[in-house]
Amino acid sequence: MKNLILAIALLSPTAAFAASAYEINARDYDCAGIRKVISQHHKVFLRTGLAGRSFRAPPARCDLGDMYTTVSVRDAKGQQCVLQYACITDPSSFRNFDFDR
């Protein structure tokens, strides 16, 4: 029971983002298809296994404290795709300042 509660707590931010974004599974599309969906919907949550990554294609912006980067994922054919516009936590942002350091 503790493991189930822990899993829900860890995945809740993922589920919260996915609720407001267009969600796709990386294993259902090839590289070109993934890029096309990101450019069409501008706000996409790409499932890669249990978790996933969020993408915001311009002109959409990442959330405050996040930045754009490139990531690599495997598509339906098992090929490595290098995708732009992934939103990740920006370590240099004052919004992500850790007071315990």
Protein backbone atom coordinates (compact mmCIF):
# COMPACT_ATOMS: atom_id res chain seq x y z
CA MET A 1 0.00 0.00 0.00
CA LYS A 2 2.85 2.38 0.82
CA ASN A 3 4.38 1.74 -2.61
CA LEU A 4 1.10 2.54 -4.34
CA ILE A 5 0.74 5.83 -2.46
CA LEU A 6 4.35 6.73 -3.24
CA ALA A 7 3.86 5.96 -6.95
CA ILE A 8 0.74 8.13 -7.09
CA ALA A 9 2.53 10.98 -5.33
CA LEU A 10 5.47 10.83 -7.72
CA LEU A 11 3.36 10.60 -10.86
CA SER A 12 0.77 13.24 -9.93
CA PRO A 13 2.73 16.19 -11.43
CA THR A 14 3.09 14.14 -14.63
CA ALA A 15 -0.63 13.45 -14.71
CA ALA A 16 -1.44 17.09 -13.95
CA PHE A 17 0.61 18.29 -16.91
CA ALA A 18 -0.77 15.58 -19.19
CA ALA A 19 -4.33 16.67 -18.43
CA SER A 20 -3.77 20.08 -20.03
CA ALA A 21 -1.62 18.92 -22.95
CA TYR A 22 -2.16 16.73 -25.99
CA GLU A 23 -0.84 13.31 -24.96
CA ILE A 24 0.80 10.80 -27.32
CA ASN A 25 2.79 7.61 -26.88
CA ALA A 26 6.29 7.57 -28.41
CA ARG A 27 5.84 3.92 -29.44
CA ASP A 28 2.82 4.81 -31.63
CA TYR A 29 4.61 7.28 -33.96
CA ASP A 30 7.79 7.49 -35.99
CA CYS A 31 10.20 10.44 -35.61
CA ALA A 32 8.56 12.55 -38.32
CA GLY A 33 5.11 11.89 -36.84
CA ILE A 34 6.20 12.96 -33.36
CA ARG A 35 7.69 16.19 -34.72
CA LYS A 36 4.51 16.87 -36.71
CA VAL A 37 2.27 16.40 -33.65
CA ILE A 38 4.47 18.73 -31.56
CA SER A 39 4.38 21.43 -34.23
CA GLN A 40 0.59 21.11 -34.69
CA HIS A 41 -0.49 21.06 -31.04
CA HIS A 42 2.31 23.23 -29.52
CA LYS A 43 1.76 21.67 -26.07
CA VAL A 44 2.40 17.92 -26.06
CA PHE A 45 3.10 15.35 -23.37
CA LEU A 46 5.10 12.50 -24.92
CA ARG A 47 4.76 9.22 -23.01
CA THR A 48 7.96 7.18 -22.91
CA GLY A 49 7.28 4.14 -20.79
CA LEU A 50 5.85 4.87 -17.34
CA ALA A 51 6.72 8.57 -17.34
CA GLY A 52 7.30 11.00 -20.18
CA ARG A 53 8.47 14.42 -21.31
CA SER A 54 6.67 17.68 -21.97
CA PHE A 55 7.18 19.63 -25.17
CA ARG A 56 6.13 23.18 -26.03
CA ALA A 57 6.73 24.16 -29.62
CA PRO A 58 7.20 27.87 -30.30
CA PRO A 59 5.36 30.21 -30.00
CA ALA A 60 4.21 28.38 -26.83
CA ARG A 61 6.45 28.83 -23.80
CA CYS A 62 7.71 26.50 -21.13
CA ASP A 63 6.48 27.10 -17.59
CA LEU A 64 8.25 29.54 -15.29
CA GLY A 65 11.53 28.05 -14.11
CA ASP A 66 11.80 25.77 -17.16
CA MET A 67 13.86 26.06 -20.33
CA TYR A 68 13.91 24.54 -23.81
CA THR A 69 16.36 21.76 -24.61
CA THR A 70 16.77 18.79 -26.95
CA VAL A 71 16.11 15.21 -25.87
CA SER A 72 16.41 11.85 -27.56
CA VAL A 73 13.65 9.23 -27.44
CA ARG A 74 12.95 5.97 -29.23
CA ASP A 75 10.10 5.91 -31.74
CA ALA A 76 7.80 3.10 -32.94
CA LYS A 77 10.55 1.66 -35.14
CA GLY A 78 13.08 1.68 -32.31
CA GLN A 79 15.10 4.50 -33.87
CA GLN A 80 16.61 7.29 -31.79
CA CYS A 81 14.83 10.64 -32.38
CA VAL A 82 16.43 13.90 -31.35
CA LEU A 83 13.58 16.29 -30.55
CA GLN A 84 13.72 20.01 -29.81
CA TYR A 85 11.53 22.08 -27.51
CA ALA A 86 11.51 19.78 -24.48
CA CYS A 87 10.77 21.71 -21.28
CA ILE A 88 13.10 20.86 -18.42
CA THR A 89 13.88 22.53 -15.10
CA ASP A 90 16.31 25.42 -15.56
CA PRO A 91 18.98 25.16 -12.84
CA SER A 92 20.03 28.79 -13.33
CA SER A 93 16.52 30.18 -12.84
CA PHE A 94 15.90 32.08 -9.62
CA ARG A 95 12.54 30.26 -9.43
CA ASN A 96 14.39 26.99 -8.80
CA PHE A 97 16.73 28.34 -6.16
CA ASP A 98 17.45 25.83 -3.43
CA PHE A 99 17.90 27.48 -0.04
CA ASP A 100 19.46 24.33 1.45
CA ARG A 101 22.66 24.57 -0.60
